[in-house]
Amino acid sequence: MAHPDPTAPAGLLPQNLPSPAPSTFTLPPAPSNLPHPRRHPLKPGSAKEATARRYVEARMLHVSRRYTKKFQGVDEHGEVGGYDNARDLCRDLGEVVDVLWLSGTRRFCVVLF
């Protein structure tokens, strides 16, 4: 028995079909809900940058604590409990992202992520 040619077509589709026409569909630009960031980033070492950094660190600590409490059950001291759903987590992280976006400070991203 002769071995088939591995480069030969398998016969499933006719080989003389023309190529399809190029697609001309484009998506319209999506509207952005993000506000315009600062024209100039916060100056490194400035009081505004330090305030923004403290806020972001506090919010990330809050997110971390709530994530940890997710596995501990109900809190009897009346404090904020753990995350029950992704919506709450996204809301808390959204606040942090908004501050980073508005501050225009790129150094935060390196420190946080």
N, C-alpha and C. Protein backbone atom coordinates (compact mmCIF):
# COMPACT_ATOMS: atom_id res chain seq x y z
N MET A 1 0.84 -1.18 0.00
CA MET A 1 0.00 0.00 0.00
C MET A 1 0.88 1.24 0.00
N ALA A 2 0.57 2.18 -0.85
CA ALA A 2 1.36 3.40 -0.99
C ALA A 2 0.98 4.37 0.13
N HIS A 3 1.96 5.09 0.61
CA HIS A 3 1.70 6.09 1.64
C HIS A 3 1.11 7.34 1.00
N PRO A 4 0.04 7.92 1.62
CA PRO A 4 -0.55 9.12 1.04
C PRO A 4 0.39 10.32 1.21
N ASP A 5 0.24 11.24 0.30
CA ASP A 5 1.04 12.47 0.32
C ASP A 5 0.50 13.36 1.45
N PRO A 6 1.32 13.71 2.47
CA PRO A 6 0.82 14.53 3.58
C PRO A 6 0.45 15.94 3.16
N THR A 7 0.93 16.42 2.02
CA THR A 7 0.59 17.76 1.58
C THR A 7 -0.64 17.79 0.69
N ALA A 8 -1.14 16.64 0.32
CA ALA A 8 -2.32 16.58 -0.56
C ALA A 8 -3.57 16.89 0.25
N PRO A 9 -4.58 17.52 -0.38
CA PRO A 9 -5.82 17.81 0.34
C PRO A 9 -6.53 16.51 0.72
N ALA A 10 -7.28 16.55 1.79
CA ALA A 10 -7.97 15.36 2.30
C ALA A 10 -9.26 15.09 1.55
N GLY A 11 -9.70 16.01 0.74
CA GLY A 11 -10.91 15.79 -0.04
C GLY A 11 -12.18 16.21 0.66
N LEU A 12 -12.08 16.86 1.78
CA LEU A 12 -13.28 17.26 2.52
C LEU A 12 -13.92 18.52 1.91
N LEU A 13 -13.11 19.44 1.46
CA LEU A 13 -13.61 20.67 0.87
C LEU A 13 -13.03 20.82 -0.53
N PRO A 14 -13.82 21.36 -1.45
CA PRO A 14 -13.25 21.59 -2.79
C PRO A 14 -12.11 22.61 -2.71
N GLN A 15 -11.07 22.37 -3.44
CA GLN A 15 -9.89 23.22 -3.37
C GLN A 15 -9.93 24.42 -4.31
N ASN A 16 -10.95 24.53 -5.13
CA ASN A 16 -10.98 25.62 -6.11
C ASN A 16 -11.89 26.77 -5.67
N LEU A 17 -12.22 26.87 -4.39
CA LEU A 17 -13.05 27.97 -3.91
C LEU A 17 -12.20 29.24 -3.81
N PRO A 18 -12.79 30.40 -4.15
CA PRO A 18 -12.04 31.65 -4.02
C PRO A 18 -11.93 32.05 -2.53
N SER A 19 -10.99 32.88 -2.25
CA SER A 19 -10.83 33.40 -0.89
C SER A 19 -12.01 34.30 -0.55
N PRO A 20 -12.42 34.34 0.71
CA PRO A 20 -13.52 35.23 1.08
C PRO A 20 -13.10 36.69 0.96
N ALA A 21 -14.10 37.53 0.76
CA ALA A 21 -13.84 38.97 0.66
C ALA A 21 -13.37 39.49 2.00
N PRO A 22 -12.49 40.48 2.02
CA PRO A 22 -12.04 41.02 3.30
C PRO A 22 -13.20 41.68 4.04
N SER A 23 -13.16 41.59 5.34
CA SER A 23 -14.22 42.16 6.17
C SER A 23 -14.04 43.67 6.26
N THR A 24 -15.15 44.38 6.17
CA THR A 24 -15.11 45.83 6.30
C THR A 24 -15.83 46.29 7.56
N PHE A 25 -16.24 45.36 8.41
CA PHE A 25 -16.96 45.70 9.62
C PHE A 25 -16.01 46.28 10.66
N THR A 26 -16.36 47.40 11.22
CA THR A 26 -15.59 47.98 12.32
C THR A 26 -16.55 48.38 13.42
N LEU A 27 -16.09 48.27 14.63
CA LEU A 27 -16.90 48.68 15.77
C LEU A 27 -16.82 50.18 15.95
N PRO A 28 -17.93 50.82 16.28
CA PRO A 28 -17.85 52.25 16.58
C PRO A 28 -17.09 52.44 17.89
N PRO A 29 -16.46 53.59 18.07
CA PRO A 29 -15.72 53.81 19.32
C PRO A 29 -16.68 53.75 20.50
N ALA A 30 -16.28 53.02 21.52
CA ALA A 30 -17.11 52.87 22.71
C ALA A 30 -17.00 54.13 23.56
N PRO A 31 -18.13 54.60 24.08
CA PRO A 31 -18.06 55.77 24.95
C PRO A 31 -17.37 55.39 26.26
N SER A 32 -16.53 56.25 26.74
CA SER A 32 -15.79 55.99 27.97
C SER A 32 -16.47 56.67 29.14
N ASN A 33 -16.57 55.95 30.24
CA ASN A 33 -17.11 56.54 31.47
C ASN A 33 -16.02 57.16 32.32
N LEU A 34 -14.79 57.03 31.88
CA LEU A 34 -13.68 57.55 32.67
C LEU A 34 -13.58 59.07 32.50
N PRO A 35 -13.34 59.78 33.59
CA PRO A 35 -13.11 61.22 33.48
C PRO A 35 -11.73 61.47 32.89
N HIS A 36 -11.52 62.68 32.47
CA HIS A 36 -10.21 63.04 31.92
C HIS A 36 -9.19 63.09 33.05
N PRO A 37 -8.04 62.44 32.87
CA PRO A 37 -7.01 62.50 33.91
C PRO A 37 -6.36 63.87 33.93
N ARG A 38 -5.52 64.06 34.92
CA ARG A 38 -4.80 65.33 35.05
C ARG A 38 -3.93 65.54 33.82
N ARG A 39 -3.72 66.79 33.47
CA ARG A 39 -2.82 67.07 32.34
C ARG A 39 -1.39 66.72 32.67
N HIS A 40 -1.02 66.94 33.92
CA HIS A 40 0.33 66.62 34.37
C HIS A 40 0.21 65.71 35.59
N PRO A 41 0.98 64.64 35.63
CA PRO A 41 0.92 63.75 36.79
C PRO A 41 1.31 64.49 38.07
N LEU A 42 0.87 63.94 39.20
CA LEU A 42 1.30 64.51 40.47
C LEU A 42 2.82 64.43 40.56
N LYS A 43 3.40 65.46 41.13
CA LYS A 43 4.86 65.50 41.24
C LYS A 43 5.32 64.48 42.27
N PRO A 44 6.34 63.70 41.90
CA PRO A 44 6.87 62.73 42.87
C PRO A 44 7.35 63.41 44.14
N GLY A 45 6.91 62.87 45.29
CA GLY A 45 7.32 63.42 46.57
C GLY A 45 6.48 64.59 47.05
N SER A 46 5.50 65.03 46.27
CA SER A 46 4.67 66.16 46.68
C SER A 46 3.66 65.73 47.74
N ALA A 47 3.08 66.70 48.43
CA ALA A 47 2.08 66.42 49.46
C ALA A 47 0.84 65.76 48.84
N LYS A 48 0.45 66.20 47.64
CA LYS A 48 -0.71 65.59 46.98
C LYS A 48 -0.45 64.13 46.64
N GLU A 49 0.76 63.84 46.19
CA GLU A 49 1.07 62.45 45.88
C GLU A 49 1.08 61.61 47.15
N ALA A 50 1.61 62.15 48.24
CA ALA A 50 1.63 61.42 49.50
C ALA A 50 0.21 61.15 50.00
N THR A 51 -0.68 62.12 49.85
CA THR A 51 -2.08 61.94 50.25
C THR A 51 -2.74 60.88 49.39
N ALA A 52 -2.52 60.94 48.10
CA ALA A 52 -3.10 59.94 47.20
C ALA A 52 -2.54 58.55 47.52
N ARG A 53 -1.26 58.47 47.80
CA ARG A 53 -0.63 57.19 48.13
C ARG A 53 -1.22 56.61 49.42
N ARG A 54 -1.38 57.45 50.44
CA ARG A 54 -1.97 56.96 51.70
C ARG A 54 -3.40 56.47 51.48
N TYR A 55 -4.17 57.19 50.67
CA TYR A 55 -5.54 56.78 50.39
C TYR A 55 -5.57 55.42 49.68
N VAL A 56 -4.74 55.27 48.66
CA VAL A 56 -4.71 54.02 47.90
C VAL A 56 -4.24 52.87 48.79
N GLU A 57 -3.23 53.10 49.61
CA GLU A 57 -2.76 52.05 50.51
C GLU A 57 -3.85 51.64 51.50
N ALA A 58 -4.59 52.63 52.04
CA ALA A 58 -5.66 52.32 52.99
C ALA A 58 -6.77 51.54 52.31
N ARG A 59 -7.14 51.92 51.10
CA ARG A 59 -8.21 51.21 50.40
C ARG A 59 -7.78 49.80 50.02
N MET A 60 -6.53 49.61 49.62
CA MET A 60 -6.05 48.27 49.29
C MET A 60 -5.99 47.40 50.55
N LEU A 61 -5.65 47.98 51.69
CA LEU A 61 -5.67 47.24 52.94
C LEU A 61 -7.11 46.85 53.29
N HIS A 62 -8.05 47.76 53.07
CA HIS A 62 -9.47 47.47 53.29
C HIS A 62 -9.93 46.30 52.41
N VAL A 63 -9.56 46.32 51.14
CA VAL A 63 -9.92 45.24 50.22
C VAL A 63 -9.31 43.93 50.68
N SER A 64 -8.06 43.97 51.09
CA SER A 64 -7.38 42.76 51.56
C SER A 64 -8.07 42.19 52.79
N ARG A 65 -8.45 43.04 53.72
CA ARG A 65 -9.13 42.58 54.94
C ARG A 65 -10.50 41.98 54.61
N ARG A 66 -11.23 42.64 53.74
CA ARG A 66 -12.54 42.09 53.38
C ARG A 66 -12.40 40.76 52.66
N TYR A 67 -11.38 40.62 51.84
CA TYR A 67 -11.17 39.35 51.15
C TYR A 67 -10.85 38.25 52.16
N THR A 68 -10.02 38.57 53.15
CA THR A 68 -9.68 37.60 54.18
C THR A 68 -10.91 37.22 55.00
N LYS A 69 -11.76 38.20 55.32
CA LYS A 69 -12.97 37.94 56.11
C LYS A 69 -13.97 37.09 55.34
N LYS A 70 -13.83 37.03 54.05
CA LYS A 70 -14.74 36.21 53.25
C LYS A 70 -14.74 34.77 53.73
N PHE A 71 -13.63 34.31 54.23
CA PHE A 71 -13.48 32.92 54.64
C PHE A 71 -13.73 32.72 56.14
N GLN A 72 -14.02 33.80 56.89
CA GLN A 72 -14.17 33.69 58.33
C GLN A 72 -15.63 33.67 58.80
N GLY A 73 -16.57 33.88 57.93
CA GLY A 73 -17.97 33.88 58.33
C GLY A 73 -18.43 35.24 58.83
N VAL A 74 -19.51 35.26 59.61
CA VAL A 74 -20.14 36.50 60.07
C VAL A 74 -19.31 37.13 61.18
N ASP A 75 -19.20 38.46 61.13
CA ASP A 75 -18.45 39.21 62.13
C ASP A 75 -19.40 39.67 63.23
N GLU A 76 -19.09 39.35 64.48
CA GLU A 76 -19.99 39.69 65.59
C GLU A 76 -19.78 41.09 66.13
N HIS A 77 -18.74 41.80 65.69
CA HIS A 77 -18.45 43.14 66.20
C HIS A 77 -19.09 44.24 65.37
N GLY A 78 -19.86 43.91 64.38
CA GLY A 78 -20.53 44.91 63.56
C GLY A 78 -19.64 45.56 62.52
N GLU A 79 -18.44 45.03 62.31
CA GLU A 79 -17.56 45.57 61.28
C GLU A 79 -18.02 45.09 59.91
N VAL A 80 -17.45 45.70 58.90
CA VAL A 80 -17.78 45.30 57.53
C VAL A 80 -17.31 43.87 57.33
N GLY A 81 -18.20 43.04 56.80
CA GLY A 81 -17.87 41.64 56.59
C GLY A 81 -17.10 41.42 55.31
N GLY A 82 -16.87 40.17 55.01
CA GLY A 82 -16.14 39.81 53.80
C GLY A 82 -17.00 40.01 52.56
N TYR A 83 -16.39 39.82 51.43
CA TYR A 83 -17.10 39.98 50.16
C TYR A 83 -18.06 38.82 49.94
N ASP A 84 -19.30 39.17 49.58
CA ASP A 84 -20.30 38.16 49.25
C ASP A 84 -20.38 37.92 47.75
N ASN A 85 -19.96 38.93 46.98
CA ASN A 85 -20.05 38.80 45.52
C ASN A 85 -18.97 39.66 44.87
N ALA A 86 -18.79 39.43 43.60
CA ALA A 86 -17.75 40.15 42.85
C ALA A 86 -18.11 41.63 42.67
N ARG A 87 -19.40 41.96 42.70
CA ARG A 87 -19.81 43.36 42.53
C ARG A 87 -19.23 44.24 43.62
N ASP A 88 -19.26 43.76 44.88
CA ASP A 88 -18.70 44.55 45.98
C ASP A 88 -17.19 44.73 45.82
N LEU A 89 -16.52 43.66 45.44
CA LEU A 89 -15.07 43.74 45.21
C LEU A 89 -14.75 44.72 44.09
N CYS A 90 -15.49 44.65 43.01
CA CYS A 90 -15.25 45.55 41.87
C CYS A 90 -15.52 47.00 42.25
N ARG A 91 -16.53 47.23 43.07
CA ARG A 91 -16.83 48.60 43.51
C ARG A 91 -15.66 49.16 44.32
N ASP A 92 -15.15 48.34 45.28
CA ASP A 92 -14.03 48.81 46.10
C ASP A 92 -12.77 49.03 45.28
N LEU A 93 -12.46 48.10 44.37
CA LEU A 93 -11.29 48.28 43.53
C LEU A 93 -11.48 49.41 42.53
N GLY A 94 -12.72 49.64 42.11
CA GLY A 94 -13.00 50.74 41.19
C GLY A 94 -12.66 52.08 41.79
N GLU A 95 -12.91 52.22 43.10
CA GLU A 95 -12.56 53.47 43.78
C GLU A 95 -11.05 53.72 43.72
N VAL A 96 -10.28 52.66 43.90
CA VAL A 96 -8.82 52.79 43.85
C VAL A 96 -8.37 53.14 42.44
N VAL A 97 -8.93 52.46 41.46
CA VAL A 97 -8.55 52.72 40.06
C VAL A 97 -8.92 54.16 39.68
N ASP A 98 -10.06 54.65 40.14
CA ASP A 98 -10.46 56.02 39.83
C ASP A 98 -9.44 57.02 40.36
N VAL A 99 -8.98 56.82 41.59
CA VAL A 99 -7.99 57.74 42.16
C VAL A 99 -6.69 57.68 41.38
N LEU A 100 -6.27 56.46 41.03
CA LEU A 100 -5.03 56.34 40.25
C LEU A 100 -5.18 56.99 38.88
N TRP A 101 -6.34 56.80 38.26
CA TRP A 101 -6.58 57.38 36.94
C TRP A 101 -6.56 58.91 37.02
N LEU A 102 -7.25 59.45 38.01
CA LEU A 102 -7.33 60.90 38.12
C LEU A 102 -6.01 61.53 38.54
N SER A 103 -5.22 60.81 39.31
CA SER A 103 -3.95 61.39 39.76
C SER A 103 -2.94 61.43 38.62
N GLY A 104 -3.07 60.52 37.67
CA GLY A 104 -2.12 60.50 36.57
C GLY A 104 -0.73 60.09 36.99
N THR A 105 -0.61 59.48 38.17
CA THR A 105 0.68 59.10 38.71
C THR A 105 0.98 57.67 38.32
N ARG A 106 2.02 57.47 37.58
CA ARG A 106 2.36 56.14 37.07
C ARG A 106 3.09 55.30 38.10
N ARG A 107 3.71 55.93 39.08
CA ARG A 107 4.50 55.18 40.06
C ARG A 107 3.62 54.26 40.90
N PHE A 108 2.36 54.61 41.11
CA PHE A 108 1.47 53.77 41.91
C PHE A 108 1.33 52.40 41.30
N CYS A 109 1.18 52.35 40.00
CA CYS A 109 0.96 51.07 39.33
C CYS A 109 2.12 50.12 39.57
N VAL A 110 3.32 50.64 39.59
CA VAL A 110 4.48 49.80 39.81
C VAL A 110 4.49 49.30 41.25
N VAL A 111 4.11 50.16 42.19
CA VAL A 111 4.13 49.80 43.61
C VAL A 111 3.02 48.80 43.92
N LEU A 112 1.82 49.01 43.39
CA LEU A 112 0.67 48.18 43.73
C LEU A 112 0.66 46.85 42.99
N PHE A 113 1.08 46.85 41.76
CA PHE A 113 0.94 45.63 40.97
C PHE A 113 2.30 45.09 40.71
